[in-house]
Amino acid sequence: MPELLATDFYYLRNFEFVLEWVGARYDDLLSAQEREFLQTFNTLPHPSRALLVRLIMRKGDHFRASRLRYAEIGELQQAAQPLLDQSWLVTDAPLDINALARLLLKAELASLELGIEQAAKLGKQALIEQLLGDDHTPRPWHEWPGIPDDTLFSVRISPLCERLRLLFFGNLSQDWSEFVLAELGIQQYEQVTFSAASRSFHQQSDVDDYIRLGRCRELLEAGIDPVEVIDQLADFTTANPWIERRHQRLRFQLGQQLERNQQLDTALALYLQCQHSEARQRAIRLHERLEQNEQAYALACTAYRAPHSAAEQQLVERALRRLGRKLKQPVPPTAPEPETTTTNLVLPGPDPQGVEQAVATYLTKPDAPVFYVENGLISSLFGLLCWEAVFAPLPGAFFHPFQSAPADLHDSEFANRRAALFAAAMGRLEDGSYRDCIRANWHSKYGLQSPFVFWGLLDEPLLELALHCIPATHLRLGFERMLKDIRANRAGMPDLIQFWPAEQRYCMVEVKGPGDRLQDNQRRWLAFCAEHGMPVEVVYVSWESTP
């Protein structure tokens, strides 16, 4: 594994790469301040640039000079001065008690001359709470009485740098550590061809809207009353489809928090206005909880006629049966579920490695090995066969070199946009070339990030057994079902798979421990397998030690 040396200034090199990338692709979206930053940054002395990047990549905005030790940068004050001249750093930022407490040790905080009796005997949190109760006005570091003799550097351009990071990554969940992980070889990515038009944002308002939604999500996660967050989003509008999807997802999460807070009427009103795919089903359930059965039945009938997904259809049918019986209204016919073989096992246990591993050990035979694969095997084989389609450099799919998946992976048009490429991949299942394709990609792409391939699971022996024992027709059925709804259908697959190489056959096994029951997505996969003759069974386990 390569070693990253501070003397190589790898962090500065990475930051300058981002600035160059953003400047080349997003100049029309940059503000005057951002454009000036890009132009000025490279004119500063090398140590000053390095210091700024070091601080930007650390957590927080305030840093004590005595705790900054960067041998490769040299004398700290000399490196900081050009940054202070640009006002990118300041030494007189006002600090409130919480900010001060993060910078001071408990003994240092207790030494402040703020009139707290026996401050040294208090725990740090108790001391902070007492200081907060005294309502101290924020002030610069050196104006706090009794403060240690130190210099405080405060970064003033964090929002600007956050915006540049957003433009580069297309999201705020990835950060500067991506470069380090890639350089160390811990995470490796497919090399996708980029053009100057490969951009995550096309309007300045899209960037503003993304950041605004992110701020509101932070408020929700911090425990702020969801009604306050909803109010902050009251005038939110966007014409960008993927930002609107983020907006609706946040609205749905706000509704969930309102439910947890028992603010059911407000949650219902929000769900009824929300376009998230699960909002309608939650609205039906809330109508029922609020004993508004007529409204629940009417909404369920609407959903039944045009369900968003198989999952919603499943839930809506149950709701209509409940509500129909209560209201003496028509209910949907109950379709018989295809029969799935079931087995009851009594095993020594509980097994510390889990019930799935216990069943795998029990079923394994010298000529019929069992593997714990859950959702990983079929997904991995799909990802290897369809690698070219998944990583096709289509407009709007890839924006930067650190993407493990196309940005439109969960869009409804994902498969249609790549129809010819997926058809070609599926064609290999017909002409028999799929094995060579999957093997070749396993070798040439090994370790690269993928939304489908589980490298830690799919070693070469398992790969060869799967290619030998699973018929191409069954692979195609599983792959096509995944493509219909990637988010929903990548989950719910059986836990285990057993191979009989001599007979060139297999069987998937769903394991249920004591008190466990089949989840809806598992039921859908089991029904699909039974309908298409794909061998599968359910094993119910009880432990010998369980009464």
Protein backbone atom coordinates (compact mmCIF):
# COMPACT_ATOMS: atom_id res chain seq x y z
CA MET A 1 0.00 0.00 0.00
CA PRO A 2 1.46 3.40 -0.90
CA GLU A 3 2.37 5.82 1.87
CA LEU A 4 1.20 9.42 1.78
CA LEU A 5 3.83 11.81 3.08
CA ALA A 6 2.94 15.30 4.29
CA THR A 7 6.13 16.53 2.64
CA ASP A 8 4.58 15.59 -0.70
CA PHE A 9 1.77 18.10 -0.05
CA TYR A 10 -0.69 15.52 -1.42
CA TYR A 11 -3.59 17.36 0.23
CA LEU A 12 -2.72 20.62 -1.52
CA ARG A 13 -2.34 18.83 -4.83
CA ASN A 14 -5.80 17.31 -4.42
CA PHE A 15 -7.39 20.64 -3.49
CA GLU A 16 -5.81 22.35 -6.49
CA PHE A 17 -7.14 19.56 -8.71
CA VAL A 18 -10.65 20.34 -7.46
CA LEU A 19 -10.21 24.06 -8.08
CA GLU A 20 -9.00 23.43 -11.61
CA TRP A 21 -11.86 20.99 -12.29
CA VAL A 22 -14.51 23.37 -10.93
CA GLY A 23 -13.05 26.35 -12.75
CA ALA A 24 -13.04 24.51 -16.06
CA ARG A 25 -16.59 23.17 -15.79
CA TYR A 26 -18.56 25.57 -13.60
CA ASP A 27 -17.24 29.04 -14.32
CA ASP A 28 -20.72 30.23 -15.34
CA LEU A 29 -22.12 29.13 -11.95
CA LEU A 30 -19.47 30.78 -9.80
CA SER A 31 -20.13 33.95 -7.87
CA ALA A 32 -17.71 36.88 -8.11
CA GLN A 33 -16.29 35.90 -4.71
CA GLU A 34 -15.77 32.29 -5.75
CA ARG A 35 -14.15 33.29 -9.03
CA GLU A 36 -11.84 35.68 -7.19
CA PHE A 37 -10.88 32.92 -4.76
CA LEU A 38 -9.92 30.57 -7.60
CA GLN A 39 -7.84 33.30 -9.24
CA THR A 40 -6.13 34.46 -6.03
CA PHE A 41 -5.41 31.11 -4.42
CA ASN A 42 -2.60 30.13 -6.80
CA THR A 43 -0.86 33.48 -6.34
CA LEU A 44 -0.25 32.90 -2.63
CA PRO A 45 2.98 31.42 -1.26
CA HIS A 46 3.11 27.64 -1.24
CA PRO A 47 3.13 27.33 2.60
CA SER A 48 0.11 29.63 2.87
CA ARG A 49 -1.88 27.57 0.40
CA ALA A 50 -0.92 24.40 2.24
CA LEU A 51 -1.96 25.84 5.61
CA LEU A 52 -5.34 26.97 4.34
CA VAL A 53 -6.07 23.54 2.86
CA ARG A 54 -4.99 21.84 6.08
CA LEU A 55 -7.48 23.95 8.03
CA ILE A 56 -10.29 23.56 5.49
CA MET A 57 -9.97 19.79 5.68
CA ARG A 58 -10.20 19.76 9.47
CA LYS A 59 -13.42 19.77 11.44
CA GLY A 60 -14.68 23.15 12.58
CA ASP A 61 -13.65 26.72 11.82
CA HIS A 62 -11.56 27.70 14.88
CA PHE A 63 -8.03 26.47 15.56
CA ARG A 64 -5.50 27.27 18.30
CA ALA A 65 -2.09 27.98 16.87
CA SER A 66 -0.41 26.00 19.65
CA ARG A 67 -2.15 22.84 18.44
CA LEU A 68 -1.25 23.21 14.78
CA ARG A 69 1.89 21.27 13.96
CA TYR A 70 2.71 20.91 10.28
CA ALA A 71 6.44 20.44 9.84
CA GLU A 72 6.23 20.64 6.05
CA ILE A 73 4.63 24.11 6.21
CA GLY A 74 7.27 25.76 8.36
CA GLU A 75 6.76 28.84 10.53
CA LEU A 76 3.03 29.11 11.18
CA GLN A 77 2.59 32.86 11.55
CA GLN A 78 4.54 33.50 8.36
CA ALA A 79 2.35 31.04 6.45
CA ALA A 80 -0.82 32.50 7.96
CA GLN A 81 -0.10 36.17 7.21
CA PRO A 82 -1.10 36.15 3.49
CA LEU A 83 -4.32 34.37 4.49
CA LEU A 84 -5.00 37.01 7.12
CA ASP A 85 -4.32 39.70 4.52
CA GLN A 86 -7.02 38.15 2.31
CA SER A 87 -9.38 37.86 5.31
CA TRP A 88 -9.66 34.13 4.59
CA LEU A 89 -8.39 33.71 8.14
CA VAL A 90 -9.06 36.05 11.07
CA THR A 91 -7.81 36.11 14.65
CA ASP A 92 -10.70 38.06 16.20
CA ALA A 93 -13.78 35.99 15.39
CA PRO A 94 -16.42 36.22 18.15
CA LEU A 95 -16.72 32.99 20.16
CA ASP A 96 -19.69 31.89 22.21
CA ILE A 97 -19.45 29.55 25.18
CA ASN A 98 -20.01 26.39 23.13
CA ALA A 99 -17.28 27.32 20.65
CA LEU A 100 -14.95 28.23 23.49
CA ALA A 101 -15.61 24.96 25.29
CA ARG A 102 -14.62 22.97 22.19
CA LEU A 103 -11.27 24.77 22.13
CA LEU A 104 -10.39 24.59 25.83
CA LEU A 105 -9.48 21.76 28.12
CA LYS A 106 -11.65 21.46 31.24
CA ALA A 107 -8.95 23.00 33.43
CA GLU A 108 -8.54 25.91 31.00
CA LEU A 109 -12.29 26.49 30.92
CA ALA A 110 -12.42 26.45 34.72
CA SER A 111 -9.60 29.03 34.84
CA LEU A 112 -11.64 31.65 33.00
CA GLU A 113 -12.42 34.58 35.24
CA LEU A 114 -16.18 34.50 34.80
CA GLY A 115 -17.37 34.41 38.41
CA ILE A 116 -18.13 30.71 38.66
CA GLU A 117 -17.61 29.56 42.25
CA GLN A 118 -15.50 26.43 42.66
CA ALA A 119 -15.35 26.04 38.90
CA ALA A 120 -12.45 23.60 39.16
CA LYS A 121 -14.63 21.14 41.09
CA LEU A 122 -17.32 21.00 38.42
CA GLY A 123 -17.31 18.53 35.57
CA LYS A 124 -16.81 20.07 32.15
CA GLN A 125 -20.42 19.62 31.03
CA ALA A 126 -21.78 21.05 34.30
CA LEU A 127 -19.41 23.99 33.96
CA ILE A 128 -20.54 24.61 30.38
CA GLU A 129 -24.20 24.52 31.40
CA GLN A 130 -23.58 27.05 34.18
CA LEU A 131 -21.69 29.35 31.79
CA LEU A 132 -24.49 29.09 29.25
CA GLY A 133 -26.97 30.03 31.94
CA ASP A 134 -25.04 33.24 32.61
CA ASP A 135 -25.71 34.42 29.04
CA HIS A 136 -22.21 35.59 28.12
CA THR A 137 -21.95 37.71 24.98
CA PRO A 138 -19.72 36.23 22.23
CA ARG A 139 -16.32 37.91 22.05
CA PRO A 140 -12.91 37.31 20.43
CA TRP A 141 -10.44 34.89 21.99
CA HIS A 142 -8.21 37.44 23.73
CA GLU A 143 -11.16 39.30 25.25
CA TRP A 144 -12.20 36.34 27.41
CA PRO A 145 -10.69 37.01 30.87
CA GLY A 146 -8.19 34.35 31.93
CA ILE A 147 -7.91 32.84 28.47
CA PRO A 148 -4.63 30.98 27.72
CA ASP A 149 -1.96 32.96 25.88
CA ASP A 150 -2.49 31.63 22.38
CA THR A 151 -3.48 32.76 18.91
CA LEU A 152 -6.76 31.60 17.42
CA PHE A 153 -7.10 31.24 13.66
CA SER A 154 -10.67 31.17 12.35
CA VAL A 155 -11.51 30.16 8.78
CA ARG A 156 -13.89 32.65 7.18
CA ILE A 157 -14.41 30.91 3.82
CA SER A 158 -15.84 27.54 4.89
CA PRO A 159 -19.19 28.11 3.11
CA LEU A 160 -17.33 29.05 -0.09
CA CYS A 161 -15.17 25.92 0.10
CA GLU A 162 -18.21 23.78 0.88
CA ARG A 163 -19.87 25.12 -2.25
CA LEU A 164 -16.79 24.30 -4.34
CA ARG A 165 -16.79 20.79 -2.88
CA LEU A 166 -20.47 20.44 -3.79
CA LEU A 167 -19.80 21.53 -7.37
CA PHE A 168 -17.02 18.96 -7.68
CA PHE A 169 -18.72 15.94 -6.09
CA GLY A 170 -22.33 16.79 -6.91
CA ASN A 171 -23.18 16.03 -3.27
CA LEU A 172 -22.07 16.92 0.26
CA SER A 173 -21.81 13.35 1.54
CA GLN A 174 -18.39 12.93 -0.08
CA ASP A 175 -15.46 14.94 1.19
CA TRP A 176 -11.72 15.45 0.77
CA SER A 177 -10.94 12.03 2.25
CA GLU A 178 -12.02 10.48 -1.07
CA PHE A 179 -8.69 11.55 -2.54
CA VAL A 180 -6.71 9.99 0.29
CA LEU A 181 -8.62 6.70 0.16
CA ALA A 182 -8.08 6.53 -3.61
CA GLU A 183 -4.37 7.32 -3.38
CA LEU A 184 -3.92 4.67 -0.71
CA GLY A 185 -5.74 2.16 -2.90
CA ILE A 186 -8.44 1.60 -0.27
CA GLN A 187 -11.14 2.73 -2.68
CA GLN A 188 -10.71 2.49 -6.43
CA TYR A 189 -13.11 3.72 -9.08
CA GLU A 190 -13.92 2.90 -12.66
CA GLN A 191 -12.32 5.38 -15.03
CA VAL A 192 -15.17 7.00 -16.91
CA THR A 193 -14.63 9.38 -19.79
CA PHE A 194 -15.53 12.94 -18.83
CA SER A 195 -16.23 15.87 -21.08
CA ALA A 196 -16.30 19.53 -20.11
CA ALA A 197 -20.10 19.18 -20.18
CA SER A 198 -20.06 16.51 -17.44
CA ARG A 199 -21.70 18.58 -14.71
CA SER A 200 -23.93 17.84 -11.76
CA PHE A 201 -25.42 21.35 -11.74
CA HIS A 202 -26.45 23.56 -14.64
CA GLN A 203 -27.88 26.58 -12.85
CA GLN A 204 -26.68 28.57 -9.87
CA SER A 205 -30.12 28.22 -8.30
CA ASP A 206 -29.69 24.42 -8.30
CA VAL A 207 -26.62 24.76 -6.10
CA ASP A 208 -28.45 27.15 -3.77
CA ASP A 209 -31.43 24.79 -3.59
CA TYR A 210 -29.25 21.77 -2.83
CA ILE A 211 -27.52 23.59 0.01
CA ARG A 212 -30.83 24.86 1.37
CA LEU A 213 -32.25 21.33 1.48
CA GLY A 214 -29.07 20.13 3.17
CA ARG A 215 -29.36 22.80 5.86
CA CYS A 216 -32.98 21.82 6.51
CA ARG A 217 -32.02 18.14 6.76
CA GLU A 218 -29.35 19.08 9.31
CA LEU A 219 -31.99 20.90 11.36
CA LEU A 220 -34.22 17.83 11.30
CA GLU A 221 -31.34 15.58 12.36
CA ALA A 222 -30.45 18.01 15.14
CA GLY A 223 -33.91 17.54 16.65
CA ILE A 224 -35.48 20.84 15.61
CA ASP A 225 -39.28 20.75 15.57
CA PRO A 226 -40.20 19.41 12.11
CA VAL A 227 -42.96 22.03 11.82
CA GLU A 228 -40.26 24.73 11.93
CA VAL A 229 -38.34 22.95 9.18
CA ILE A 230 -41.50 22.65 7.09
CA ASP A 231 -42.05 26.38 7.46
CA GLN A 232 -38.54 27.03 6.15
CA LEU A 233 -39.41 25.02 3.05
CA ALA A 234 -42.80 26.61 2.49
CA ASP A 235 -41.70 28.61 -0.57
CA PHE A 236 -39.26 26.02 -1.96
CA THR A 237 -39.62 25.39 -5.69
CA THR A 238 -37.27 23.95 -8.28
CA ALA A 239 -37.50 22.87 -11.90
CA ASN A 240 -34.61 20.42 -11.46
CA PRO A 241 -36.07 16.86 -11.28
CA TRP A 242 -33.37 15.29 -9.09
CA ILE A 243 -33.35 18.20 -6.66
CA GLU A 244 -37.13 17.96 -6.47
CA ARG A 245 -36.75 14.25 -5.62
CA ARG A 246 -34.46 15.25 -2.75
CA HIS A 247 -37.06 17.81 -1.68
CA GLN A 248 -39.82 15.21 -1.64
CA ARG A 249 -37.63 12.71 0.22
CA LEU A 250 -36.96 15.33 2.90
CA ARG A 251 -40.69 16.08 3.14
CA PHE A 252 -41.33 12.36 3.63
CA GLN A 253 -38.70 12.20 6.39
CA LEU A 254 -40.33 15.20 8.05
CA GLY A 255 -43.63 13.35 7.94
CA GLN A 256 -42.03 10.33 9.59
CA GLN A 257 -40.67 12.51 12.39
CA LEU A 258 -44.08 14.09 12.87
CA GLU A 259 -45.52 10.60 13.25
CA ARG A 260 -42.89 9.75 15.88
CA ASN A 261 -43.85 12.97 17.67
CA GLN A 262 -47.51 11.90 17.53
CA GLN A 263 -48.38 14.98 15.45
CA LEU A 264 -50.54 12.79 13.27
CA ASP A 265 -52.82 15.38 11.66
CA THR A 266 -49.83 17.46 10.55
CA ALA A 267 -48.04 14.37 9.27
CA LEU A 268 -51.12 13.32 7.29
CA ALA A 269 -51.47 16.75 5.69
CA LEU A 270 -47.81 16.61 4.67
CA TYR A 271 -48.04 13.08 3.25
CA LEU A 272 -51.08 14.03 1.16
CA GLN A 273 -49.03 16.80 -0.49
CA CYS A 274 -45.83 14.74 -0.81
CA GLN A 275 -44.76 13.05 -4.06
CA HIS A 276 -42.42 10.52 -2.44
CA SER A 277 -43.27 6.96 -3.52
CA GLU A 278 -44.05 5.85 0.06
CA ALA A 279 -46.02 8.92 1.15
CA ARG A 280 -49.39 7.72 -0.14
CA GLN A 281 -49.19 4.46 1.80
CA ARG A 282 -48.30 6.32 5.00
CA ALA A 283 -51.28 8.62 4.41
CA ILE A 284 -53.58 5.60 4.15
CA ARG A 285 -52.26 4.25 7.44
CA LEU A 286 -52.69 7.60 9.18
CA HIS A 287 -56.24 7.94 7.91
CA GLU A 288 -56.88 4.56 9.55
CA ARG A 289 -55.16 5.51 12.81
CA LEU A 290 -57.26 8.67 12.92
CA GLU A 291 -60.38 6.53 12.24
CA GLN A 292 -60.95 8.27 8.90
CA ASN A 293 -61.77 4.98 7.22
CA GLU A 294 -63.76 6.38 4.28
CA GLN A 295 -60.87 8.66 3.28
CA ALA A 296 -58.42 5.78 3.76
CA TYR A 297 -60.50 3.49 1.54
CA ALA A 298 -60.86 6.11 -1.21
CA LEU A 299 -57.10 6.81 -1.24
CA ALA A 300 -56.32 3.08 -1.22
CA CYS A 301 -58.63 2.56 -4.21
CA THR A 302 -56.75 5.28 -6.10
CA ALA A 303 -53.42 3.66 -5.25
CA TYR A 304 -54.72 0.20 -6.19
CA ARG A 305 -55.61 1.40 -9.69
CA ALA A 306 -52.11 2.81 -10.29
CA PRO A 307 -49.56 1.64 -7.69
CA HIS A 308 -46.11 3.25 -7.61
CA SER A 309 -44.42 -0.11 -7.10
CA ALA A 310 -44.96 -3.76 -6.28
CA ALA A 311 -44.29 -2.91 -2.65
CA GLU A 312 -47.08 -0.33 -2.60
CA GLN A 313 -49.44 -2.70 -4.38
CA GLN A 314 -48.81 -5.33 -1.73
CA LEU A 315 -49.51 -2.90 1.12
CA VAL A 316 -52.54 -1.33 -0.56
CA GLU A 317 -54.19 -4.69 -1.14
CA ARG A 318 -53.92 -5.45 2.57
CA ALA A 319 -55.32 -2.03 3.45
CA LEU A 320 -58.29 -2.52 1.12
CA ARG A 321 -59.10 -5.87 2.70
CA ARG A 322 -59.03 -4.36 6.19
CA LEU A 323 -61.03 -1.31 5.20
CA GLY A 324 -63.43 -3.17 2.94
CA ARG A 325 -64.45 -5.45 5.77
CA LYS A 326 -65.01 -2.49 8.11
CA LEU A 327 -66.96 -0.45 5.55
CA LYS A 328 -68.65 -3.39 3.81
CA GLN A 329 -67.08 -2.31 0.52
CA PRO A 330 -65.56 -4.42 -2.29
CA VAL A 331 -62.12 -5.84 -1.59
CA PRO A 332 -59.51 -7.00 -4.11
CA PRO A 333 -59.40 -10.73 -4.79
CA THR A 334 -56.78 -12.65 -2.85
CA ALA A 335 -54.36 -14.16 -5.32
CA PRO A 336 -52.95 -17.46 -4.10
CA GLU A 337 -49.24 -17.26 -3.40
CA PRO A 338 -47.16 -19.78 -5.35
CA GLU A 339 -46.17 -22.65 -3.11
CA THR A 340 -42.65 -22.61 -1.75
CA THR A 341 -41.06 -25.65 -0.15
CA THR A 342 -40.64 -25.20 3.60
CA THR A 343 -38.51 -27.15 6.09
CA ASN A 344 -38.49 -27.05 9.88
CA LEU A 345 -35.12 -27.63 11.53
CA VAL A 346 -34.23 -28.06 15.19
CA LEU A 347 -30.57 -27.20 15.68
CA PRO A 348 -28.20 -26.89 18.66
CA GLY A 349 -27.99 -23.28 19.60
CA PRO A 350 -28.34 -20.43 19.50
CA ASP A 351 -25.32 -20.37 17.19
CA PRO A 352 -23.00 -17.43 17.99
CA GLN A 353 -22.35 -16.98 14.26
CA GLY A 354 -26.06 -16.54 13.52
CA VAL A 355 -28.93 -18.68 12.38
CA GLU A 356 -27.99 -18.42 8.70
CA GLN A 357 -24.52 -19.81 9.32
CA ALA A 358 -25.98 -22.58 11.48
CA VAL A 359 -28.24 -23.69 8.63
CA ALA A 360 -25.40 -23.40 6.11
CA THR A 361 -23.23 -25.67 8.27
CA TYR A 362 -26.08 -28.16 8.65
CA LEU A 363 -26.88 -28.33 4.92
CA THR A 364 -23.31 -28.35 3.60
CA LYS A 365 -22.14 -31.65 2.12
CA PRO A 366 -18.79 -32.49 0.50
CA ASP A 367 -20.49 -32.62 -2.89
CA ALA A 368 -23.01 -29.84 -2.19
CA PRO A 369 -21.44 -26.70 -0.62
CA VAL A 370 -23.59 -23.93 0.84
CA PHE A 371 -22.75 -20.21 0.78
CA TYR A 372 -24.22 -17.31 2.76
CA VAL A 373 -24.82 -14.78 -0.04
CA GLU A 374 -28.11 -13.00 0.77
CA ASN A 375 -28.45 -10.13 -1.75
CA GLY A 376 -24.87 -10.31 -2.95
CA LEU A 377 -24.55 -13.11 -5.50
CA ILE A 378 -27.20 -12.36 -8.11
CA SER A 379 -26.48 -8.64 -7.79
CA SER A 380 -22.75 -9.23 -8.32
CA LEU A 381 -23.27 -11.42 -11.38
CA PHE A 382 -25.58 -8.77 -12.81
CA GLY A 383 -23.04 -6.03 -12.13
CA LEU A 384 -20.25 -7.96 -13.82
CA LEU A 385 -22.30 -8.87 -16.89
CA CYS A 386 -23.70 -5.35 -17.27
CA TRP A 387 -20.57 -3.41 -16.28
CA GLU A 388 -20.41 -1.55 -19.59
CA ALA A 389 -24.05 -0.47 -19.32
CA VAL A 390 -23.81 0.63 -15.69
CA PHE A 391 -20.69 2.72 -16.29
CA ALA A 392 -21.65 4.11 -19.69
CA PRO A 393 -20.62 7.80 -19.81
CA LEU A 394 -24.09 9.14 -20.56
CA PRO A 395 -24.91 12.82 -19.99
CA GLY A 396 -26.01 13.37 -16.41
CA ALA A 397 -24.55 10.08 -15.15
CA PHE A 398 -20.97 10.86 -14.08
CA PHE A 399 -19.55 14.17 -12.87
CA HIS A 400 -16.25 13.39 -11.14
CA PRO A 401 -13.66 10.60 -10.76
CA PHE A 402 -14.95 9.31 -7.41
CA GLN A 403 -18.37 7.94 -8.34
CA SER A 404 -19.17 4.35 -7.48
CA ALA A 405 -22.43 4.51 -9.43
CA PRO A 406 -24.15 6.66 -12.05
CA ALA A 407 -26.10 9.54 -10.59
CA ASP A 408 -29.32 8.35 -12.24
CA LEU A 409 -29.10 4.79 -10.88
CA HIS A 410 -32.48 4.98 -9.14
CA ASP A 411 -34.25 7.09 -11.76
CA SER A 412 -37.22 5.50 -13.48
CA GLU A 413 -35.51 5.93 -16.85
CA PHE A 414 -32.19 4.38 -15.81
CA ALA A 415 -32.69 1.15 -17.79
CA ASN A 416 -34.42 2.82 -20.75
CA ARG A 417 -31.54 5.27 -21.22
CA ARG A 418 -29.20 2.28 -21.58
CA ALA A 419 -31.64 -0.06 -23.30
CA ALA A 420 -29.31 -1.05 -26.14
CA LEU A 421 -26.41 -1.74 -23.75
CA PHE A 422 -28.55 -3.83 -21.41
CA ALA A 423 -30.03 -5.69 -24.38
CA ALA A 424 -26.53 -6.53 -25.58
CA ALA A 425 -25.58 -7.79 -22.12
CA MET A 426 -28.72 -9.92 -21.87
CA GLY A 427 -27.99 -11.22 -25.35
CA ARG A 428 -24.86 -12.83 -23.97
CA LEU A 429 -27.09 -15.01 -21.82
CA GLU A 430 -28.69 -16.26 -25.02
CA ASP A 431 -25.54 -16.95 -27.04
CA GLY A 432 -23.55 -18.41 -24.12
CA SER A 433 -20.82 -15.77 -24.02
CA TYR A 434 -21.96 -14.46 -20.63
CA ARG A 435 -19.57 -16.68 -18.68
CA ASP A 436 -16.50 -15.33 -20.49
CA CYS A 437 -17.79 -11.76 -20.09
CA ILE A 438 -18.40 -12.14 -16.37
CA ARG A 439 -15.04 -13.83 -15.80
CA ALA A 440 -13.20 -11.17 -17.81
CA ASN A 441 -14.81 -8.34 -15.82
CA TRP A 442 -14.17 -10.14 -12.53
CA HIS A 443 -10.45 -10.17 -13.35
CA SER A 444 -10.11 -6.76 -15.01
CA LYS A 445 -12.41 -4.78 -12.67
CA TYR A 446 -11.58 -6.54 -9.42
CA GLY A 447 -11.84 -4.19 -6.44
CA LEU A 448 -13.35 -1.24 -8.33
CA GLN A 449 -16.31 0.40 -6.61
CA SER A 450 -19.65 -0.77 -7.99
CA PRO A 451 -23.24 -0.40 -6.83
CA PHE A 452 -23.83 -4.09 -7.57
CA VAL A 453 -20.65 -6.13 -7.12
CA PHE A 454 -19.75 -7.45 -3.65
CA TRP A 455 -16.06 -8.19 -4.05
CA GLY A 456 -15.64 -9.42 -0.49
CA LEU A 457 -18.27 -12.08 -1.14
CA LEU A 458 -17.60 -13.12 -4.73
CA ASP A 459 -14.31 -15.00 -4.74
CA GLU A 460 -13.33 -17.07 -7.75
CA PRO A 461 -14.55 -20.48 -6.46
CA LEU A 462 -18.02 -19.09 -5.74
CA LEU A 463 -18.05 -17.34 -9.11
CA GLU A 464 -17.22 -20.55 -10.95
CA LEU A 465 -19.81 -22.58 -9.05
CA ALA A 466 -22.50 -20.00 -9.80
CA LEU A 467 -21.66 -19.90 -13.51
CA HIS A 468 -21.61 -23.69 -13.65
CA CYS A 469 -24.81 -24.40 -11.72
CA ILE A 470 -27.24 -21.50 -12.32
CA PRO A 471 -28.88 -21.66 -15.76
CA ALA A 472 -28.66 -18.61 -17.99
CA THR A 473 -32.47 -18.48 -18.12
CA HIS A 474 -32.63 -18.08 -14.34
CA LEU A 475 -29.92 -15.44 -14.34
CA ARG A 476 -31.83 -13.47 -16.95
CA LEU A 477 -35.04 -13.67 -14.95
CA GLY A 478 -33.30 -12.36 -11.84
CA PHE A 479 -31.45 -9.63 -13.72
CA GLU A 480 -34.55 -8.36 -15.49
CA ARG A 481 -36.49 -8.24 -12.24
CA MET A 482 -33.72 -6.18 -10.64
CA LEU A 483 -33.79 -3.74 -13.54
CA LYS A 484 -37.51 -3.11 -13.12
CA ASP A 485 -36.95 -1.53 -9.70
CA ILE A 486 -33.30 -1.46 -8.65
CA ARG A 487 -33.85 0.14 -5.26
CA ALA A 488 -36.54 -2.34 -4.21
CA ASN A 489 -35.45 -5.53 -5.94
CA ARG A 490 -31.78 -5.58 -4.93
CA ALA A 491 -33.02 -6.58 -1.47
CA GLY A 492 -35.09 -9.49 -0.25
CA MET A 493 -33.20 -12.31 -1.98
CA PRO A 494 -32.74 -15.61 -0.11
CA ASP A 495 -29.92 -15.88 2.43
CA LEU A 496 -28.15 -19.03 1.25
CA ILE A 497 -27.42 -20.86 -1.96
CA GLN A 498 -26.48 -24.53 -2.28
CA PHE A 499 -24.79 -26.00 -5.33
CA TRP A 500 -24.65 -29.56 -6.65
CA PRO A 501 -21.84 -29.24 -9.22
CA ALA A 502 -22.01 -32.84 -10.41
CA GLU A 503 -25.68 -32.37 -11.26
CA GLN A 504 -25.24 -28.75 -12.41
CA ARG A 505 -28.07 -27.48 -10.22
CA TYR A 506 -28.65 -25.19 -7.26
CA CYS A 507 -31.21 -24.14 -4.66
CA MET A 508 -31.65 -20.86 -2.82
CA VAL A 509 -32.60 -20.98 0.86
CA GLU A 510 -34.32 -18.32 2.94
CA VAL A 511 -33.63 -18.82 6.67
CA LYS A 512 -35.94 -17.75 9.47
CA GLY A 513 -34.95 -18.05 13.10
CA PRO A 514 -37.23 -18.35 16.14
CA GLY A 515 -39.86 -15.61 16.10
CA ASP A 516 -38.75 -14.31 12.71
CA ARG A 517 -41.11 -14.03 9.76
CA LEU A 518 -40.90 -13.32 6.06
CA GLN A 519 -40.69 -9.65 5.10
CA ASP A 520 -42.71 -8.29 2.20
CA ASN A 521 -39.75 -7.95 -0.17
CA GLN A 522 -38.73 -11.53 0.66
CA ARG A 523 -42.24 -12.75 -0.09
CA ARG A 524 -42.13 -11.03 -3.46
CA TRP A 525 -38.82 -12.68 -4.36
CA LEU A 526 -40.05 -16.10 -3.21
CA ALA A 527 -43.23 -15.72 -5.24
CA PHE A 528 -41.20 -14.66 -8.28
CA CYS A 529 -38.89 -17.66 -7.97
CA ALA A 530 -41.77 -20.09 -7.52
CA GLU A 531 -43.65 -18.59 -10.47
CA HIS A 532 -40.66 -19.03 -12.78
CA GLY A 533 -39.46 -22.40 -11.54
CA MET A 534 -36.32 -21.11 -9.83
CA PRO A 535 -35.48 -23.55 -6.98
CA VAL A 536 -35.97 -22.00 -3.57
CA GLU A 537 -37.07 -23.09 -0.11
CA VAL A 538 -37.69 -21.56 3.30
CA VAL A 539 -36.10 -23.10 6.38
CA TYR A 540 -37.62 -22.32 9.78
CA VAL A 541 -35.20 -22.89 12.66
CA SER A 542 -35.83 -23.52 16.32
CA TRP A 543 -33.07 -24.12 18.86
CA GLU A 544 -32.84 -27.26 20.94
CA SER A 545 -32.36 -25.12 24.05
CA THR A 546 -35.52 -23.10 23.31
CA PRO A 547 -38.57 -24.45 25.20
